[in-house]
Protein backbone atom coordinates (compact mmCIF):
# COMPACT_ATOMS: atom_id res chain seq x y z
CA MET A 1 -0.08 -0.20 0.16
CA LYS A 2 0.96 3.37 -1.00
CA GLU A 3 0.29 6.28 1.67
CA TYR A 4 0.85 10.04 1.25
CA ASP A 5 -0.44 13.54 1.78
CA SER A 6 -1.36 15.66 -1.01
CA GLY A 7 -2.28 19.25 -0.08
CA ASP A 8 -5.31 18.81 2.38
CA TRP A 9 -5.80 15.40 1.51
CA HIS A 10 -4.44 12.15 2.79
CA VAL A 11 -4.32 9.39 0.31
CA LYS A 12 -3.97 5.64 0.62
CA GLU A 13 -3.45 3.64 -2.56
CA HIS A 14 -3.70 -0.13 -2.33
CA ALA A 15 -2.30 -2.58 -4.72
CA ASN A 16 -5.35 -3.89 -6.50
CA GLY A 17 -6.05 -0.01 -7.14
CA TRP A 18 -8.88 0.76 -4.37
CA THR A 19 -7.82 4.12 -3.42
CA GLU A 20 -9.12 6.06 -0.16
CA ILE A 21 -8.82 9.99 -0.17
CA THR A 22 -9.80 11.92 3.04
CA GLY A 23 -9.64 15.27 4.07
CA THR A 24 -11.24 18.33 5.90
CA LEU A 25 -11.69 21.47 3.53
CA GLY A 26 -12.91 24.85 3.50
CA VAL A 27 -15.61 24.50 0.70
CA ASP A 28 -16.76 27.36 -0.98
CA TYR A 29 -20.48 27.09 -2.23
CA SER A 30 -21.86 29.19 -4.86
CA ALA A 31 -24.94 31.60 -4.26
CA THR A 32 -28.11 30.48 -2.56
CA VAL A 33 -30.70 28.97 -5.14
CA HIS A 34 -34.33 28.82 -3.52
CA SER A 35 -36.34 26.08 -4.16
CA SER A 36 -40.22 26.86 -4.06
CA SER A 37 -41.25 23.41 -4.15
CA THR A 38 -39.09 22.64 -0.92
CA GLY A 39 -38.70 25.85 1.05
CA TYR A 40 -35.14 24.98 1.05
CA HIS A 41 -32.11 27.05 -0.32
CA TYR A 42 -29.36 25.00 -2.25
CA ARG A 43 -25.75 25.70 -2.72
CA THR A 44 -23.26 23.62 -4.78
CA GLY A 45 -19.42 23.61 -4.55
CA THR A 46 -16.82 21.45 -6.49
CA VAL A 47 -13.66 20.11 -5.04
CA THR A 48 -10.71 18.80 -7.15
CA LEU A 49 -9.35 15.26 -6.05
CA PRO A 50 -5.62 14.75 -5.74
CA VAL A 51 -6.43 11.23 -7.65
CA ALA A 52 -9.08 10.64 -10.32
CA LEU A 53 -11.20 7.63 -9.42
CA ASP A 54 -12.79 5.50 -12.27
CA ASN A 55 -16.41 6.26 -12.52
CA ASP A 56 -17.26 3.02 -14.23
CA ARG A 57 -16.23 1.01 -10.91
CA PRO A 58 -17.80 0.40 -7.48
CA ARG A 59 -16.92 3.86 -5.62
CA THR A 60 -18.19 5.86 -2.70
CA ALA A 61 -18.26 9.55 -1.95
CA MET A 62 -19.17 11.15 1.50
CA ALA A 63 -18.95 14.79 2.90
CA ILE A 64 -19.89 15.77 6.64
CA ASP A 65 -20.60 19.34 7.36
CA SER A 66 -18.51 20.52 10.18
CA SER A 67 -19.91 23.94 10.96
CA GLY A 68 -23.26 23.38 12.38
CA GLY A 69 -24.94 25.73 9.30
CA LEU A 70 -26.08 23.08 7.06
CA HIS A 71 -28.53 20.27 7.17
CA ALA A 72 -27.69 18.05 4.10
CA ILE A 73 -24.86 17.35 1.75
CA ASN A 74 -25.09 15.26 -1.28
CA ALA A 75 -21.48 14.39 -2.59
CA ARG A 76 -21.08 12.74 -5.94
CA LEU A 77 -18.05 12.50 -8.64
CA GLN A 78 -18.29 14.43 -11.66
CA GLY A 79 -17.42 13.49 -15.35
CA SER A 80 -13.86 12.34 -15.22
CA GLY A 81 -13.63 11.20 -11.51
CA GLY A 82 -11.14 13.87 -10.68
CA GLU A 83 -13.62 16.38 -8.66
CA LEU A 84 -16.17 15.93 -6.21
CA LYS A 85 -19.69 18.06 -6.47
CA LEU A 86 -20.92 18.75 -3.06
CA THR A 87 -24.75 20.01 -2.84
CA THR A 88 -25.83 21.51 0.36
CA GLY A 89 -29.79 22.12 1.33
CA GLN A 90 -30.55 24.75 4.07
CA PRO A 91 -33.77 25.80 5.70
CA ALA A 92 -34.96 29.46 4.82
CA GLU A 93 -33.78 30.90 8.11
CA ASN A 94 -30.05 29.76 7.20
CA LYS A 95 -29.75 31.24 3.75
CA GLY A 96 -27.65 34.05 4.69
CA GLU A 97 -24.47 32.12 5.90
CA LEU A 98 -21.44 32.64 4.13
CA PRO A 99 -19.44 30.05 1.89
CA GLY A 100 -16.23 28.73 3.20
CA TYR A 101 -17.69 25.58 5.45
CA PRO A 102 -15.36 23.36 6.78
CA THR A 103 -16.19 19.90 5.31
CA SER A 104 -14.99 16.52 6.01
CA LEU A 105 -14.62 14.35 2.89
CA CYS A 106 -14.08 10.90 2.34
CA VAL A 107 -13.91 9.51 -1.36
CA ALA A 108 -13.05 5.93 -2.05
CA GLY A 109 -12.93 3.76 -5.45
CA TYR A 110 -10.67 2.30 -7.89
CA LYS A 111 -8.10 4.68 -9.17
CA LYS A 112 -8.29 5.60 -12.85
CA ALA A 113 -5.93 3.76 -14.85
């Protein structure tokens, strides 16, 4: 197994290609978009990963808000497997909070060849 740090990330690459990427980053989210059907305000952010993962093989992505201001985060790998797209949902009373939330991220999958 190869294990190293890359910027804010900690990476573990196993011999079979399975790769685990973890870190806590200050994620900048876009301006709030209101959904009238749910009453929630949504923001999105994109995080570049230090290692691209293969989107055609088993993988997982998890994000946990560390600020207490968000109520939900959806994390998914984008097209090339080298980016993580985060979408947050907040009730109306939190819509004015500033971007830059510290977010703990864990992404795992097979390294893209």
